[in-house]
């Protein structure tokens, strides 16, 4: 039992700074869907330019995307610890470039741009990042805004 509690205690939810024009939120840590907390624990955070209407780990957040205007952005981040680890090491936060964005994605209209990244930091936390833009090819302003918001996550 101590191993499970220790695993739960070391996963902190990602928190975005409440910048003007952004709606932010987070959830506490819990066992990843379908596995025990001894195997995987995650906590989620989000930032969006429209109110976030979906569950904490709804990927893609279809209700929120349905309200997303062309200049809108939705960001979801999961902090997780998983045994065994499955994600390569990298630096966090990542930076999103236009080449990282694809039109649509699994179950998402090609009207939206989507980006997915995953890195494990040296402390063993796996960061899963999902970003949607209100257009298939985000503007430079949207990319800059998403990257600025990502820099606020703690």
Protein backbone atom coordinates (compact mmCIF):
# COMPACT_ATOMS: atom_id res chain seq x y z
CA UNK A 1 0.00 0.00 0.00
CA UNK A 2 2.85 2.39 0.75
CA UNK A 3 4.11 2.03 -2.86
CA UNK A 4 0.70 3.07 -4.20
CA UNK A 5 0.51 6.07 -1.87
CA UNK A 6 4.04 7.10 -2.72
CA UNK A 7 3.24 6.94 -6.43
CA UNK A 8 0.11 9.04 -5.96
CA UNK A 9 1.93 11.62 -3.89
CA UNK A 10 4.64 12.35 -6.48
CA UNK A 11 2.37 13.17 -9.42
CA UNK A 12 1.28 16.78 -9.29
CA UNK A 13 -1.40 18.12 -11.58
CA UNK A 14 -0.25 20.57 -14.24
CA UNK A 15 -1.40 24.10 -13.42
CA UNK A 16 -1.64 26.82 -16.06
CA UNK A 17 -1.48 30.47 -15.03
CA UNK A 18 -4.84 32.15 -15.53
CA UNK A 19 -3.75 34.55 -18.27
CA UNK A 20 -6.28 36.99 -19.78
CA UNK A 21 -8.43 35.26 -22.38
CA UNK A 22 -7.72 31.74 -21.09
CA UNK A 23 -9.89 29.33 -19.11
CA UNK A 24 -7.73 27.00 -17.00
CA UNK A 25 -8.30 24.03 -14.75
CA UNK A 26 -6.73 20.86 -13.37
CA UNK A 27 -7.61 17.59 -11.71
CA UNK A 28 -6.00 15.63 -8.90
CA UNK A 29 -3.97 12.47 -9.45
CA UNK A 30 -5.68 9.11 -9.84
CA UNK A 31 -5.05 5.74 -11.40
CA UNK A 32 -4.80 5.76 -15.18
CA UNK A 33 -7.89 4.26 -16.89
CA UNK A 34 -7.92 0.48 -16.86
CA UNK A 35 -4.89 -0.12 -14.63
CA UNK A 36 -4.04 -0.05 -10.93
CA UNK A 37 -2.53 3.00 -9.29
CA UNK A 38 0.55 0.88 -8.63
CA UNK A 39 1.14 0.72 -12.40
CA UNK A 40 0.14 4.21 -13.56
CA UNK A 41 -1.09 7.47 -12.05
CA UNK A 42 -1.94 10.65 -13.92
CA UNK A 43 -3.24 14.17 -13.30
CA UNK A 44 -4.54 16.54 -15.95
CA UNK A 45 -4.57 20.27 -16.61
CA UNK A 46 -6.06 22.34 -19.41
CA UNK A 47 -6.07 25.83 -20.83
CA UNK A 48 -8.45 26.97 -23.55
CA UNK A 49 -9.64 30.18 -25.12
CA UNK A 50 -13.24 28.98 -24.71
CA UNK A 51 -14.74 27.34 -21.60
CA UNK A 52 -13.54 23.73 -21.25
CA UNK A 53 -16.64 21.51 -21.43
CA UNK A 54 -15.21 17.98 -21.38
CA UNK A 55 -13.95 15.45 -18.85
CA UNK A 56 -10.41 15.83 -17.56
CA UNK A 57 -8.96 13.19 -19.87
CA UNK A 58 -11.32 13.37 -22.86
CA UNK A 59 -8.89 13.32 -25.77
CA UNK A 60 -10.14 14.84 -28.02
CA UNK A 61 -12.36 17.26 -26.10
CA UNK A 62 -15.22 17.18 -28.62
CA UNK A 63 -17.69 19.41 -26.73
CA UNK A 64 -15.05 22.10 -26.32
CA UNK A 65 -13.89 21.80 -29.94
CA UNK A 66 -17.48 22.25 -31.10
CA UNK A 67 -17.38 25.77 -29.55
CA UNK A 68 -13.86 26.63 -30.77
CA UNK A 69 -13.70 29.55 -33.22
CA UNK A 70 -11.01 29.63 -35.94
CA UNK A 71 -8.68 31.71 -33.75
CA UNK A 72 -9.24 29.48 -30.68
CA UNK A 73 -6.86 27.10 -28.89
CA UNK A 74 -7.34 24.15 -26.53
CA UNK A 75 -4.40 22.68 -24.59
CA UNK A 76 -4.50 19.54 -22.44
CA UNK A 77 -1.54 18.24 -20.44
CA UNK A 78 -1.22 15.05 -18.44
CA UNK A 79 1.51 14.51 -15.86
CA UNK A 80 1.92 10.80 -15.23
CA UNK A 81 4.13 8.15 -13.70
CA UNK A 82 3.96 4.79 -15.34
CA UNK A 83 5.72 1.52 -14.63
CA UNK A 84 7.43 0.56 -16.83
CA UNK A 85 8.16 3.90 -18.45
CA UNK A 86 7.28 4.08 -22.14
CA UNK A 87 8.15 7.60 -23.21
CA UNK A 88 11.54 8.89 -24.31
CA UNK A 89 13.31 11.57 -22.29
CA UNK A 90 13.05 15.16 -23.37
CA UNK A 91 12.79 18.76 -22.21
CA UNK A 92 9.62 20.24 -20.80
CA UNK A 93 7.81 22.34 -21.70
CA UNK A 94 8.04 21.54 -25.40
CA UNK A 95 7.68 24.18 -28.10
CA UNK A 96 5.08 23.73 -30.82
CA UNK A 97 6.07 24.52 -34.40
CA UNK A 98 3.79 24.68 -37.43
CA UNK A 99 5.36 21.44 -38.72
CA UNK A 100 4.07 19.66 -35.57
CA UNK A 101 0.43 20.44 -36.42
CA UNK A 102 -1.69 18.14 -38.57
CA UNK A 103 -5.19 18.69 -39.92
CA UNK A 104 -7.71 16.71 -37.88
CA UNK A 105 -6.75 13.52 -36.18
CA UNK A 106 -8.48 10.48 -34.81
CA UNK A 107 -12.16 11.39 -34.55
CA UNK A 108 -11.48 15.10 -35.14
CA UNK A 109 -12.53 17.09 -38.21
CA UNK A 110 -9.80 18.23 -40.56
CA UNK A 111 -11.06 21.77 -39.88
CA UNK A 112 -8.96 21.73 -36.69
CA UNK A 113 -5.21 21.65 -36.34
CA UNK A 114 -3.92 19.09 -33.85
CA UNK A 115 -0.58 18.50 -32.17
CA UNK A 116 0.44 15.69 -29.82
CA UNK A 117 3.75 15.42 -27.99
CA UNK A 118 5.11 13.27 -25.17
CA UNK A 119 8.30 13.58 -23.14
CA UNK A 120 9.63 12.10 -19.90
CA UNK A 121 11.67 14.50 -17.81
CA UNK A 122 14.69 13.55 -15.71
CA UNK A 123 12.48 13.31 -12.61
CA UNK A 124 10.52 10.46 -14.26
CA UNK A 125 7.32 12.43 -14.93
CA UNK A 126 5.75 11.71 -18.30
CA UNK A 127 4.18 14.82 -19.84
CA UNK A 128 1.55 14.19 -22.51
CA UNK A 129 0.56 17.27 -24.49
CA UNK A 130 -2.46 17.67 -26.76
CA UNK A 131 -3.18 20.95 -28.55
CA UNK A 132 -6.01 21.83 -30.93
CA UNK A 133 -6.32 24.96 -33.00
CA UNK A 134 -9.56 26.30 -34.46
CA UNK A 135 -8.11 26.02 -37.97
CA UNK A 136 -6.14 23.27 -39.73
CA UNK A 137 -3.09 25.52 -40.11
CA UNK A 138 -2.65 27.79 -37.09
CA UNK A 139 -1.46 31.33 -37.55
CA UNK A 140 1.87 32.52 -36.17
CA UNK A 141 -0.13 34.38 -33.53
CA UNK A 142 -1.90 31.15 -32.45
CA UNK A 143 1.39 29.24 -32.26
CA UNK A 144 2.96 32.04 -30.22
CA UNK A 145 -0.06 32.17 -27.89
CA UNK A 146 -0.05 28.38 -27.38
CA UNK A 147 3.69 28.35 -26.66
CA UNK A 148 3.38 31.28 -24.27
CA UNK A 149 0.59 29.50 -22.39
CA UNK A 150 2.62 26.28 -22.27
CA UNK A 151 5.48 28.18 -20.62
CA UNK A 152 3.15 29.02 -17.71
CA UNK A 153 2.36 25.40 -16.81
CA UNK A 154 3.78 24.28 -13.46
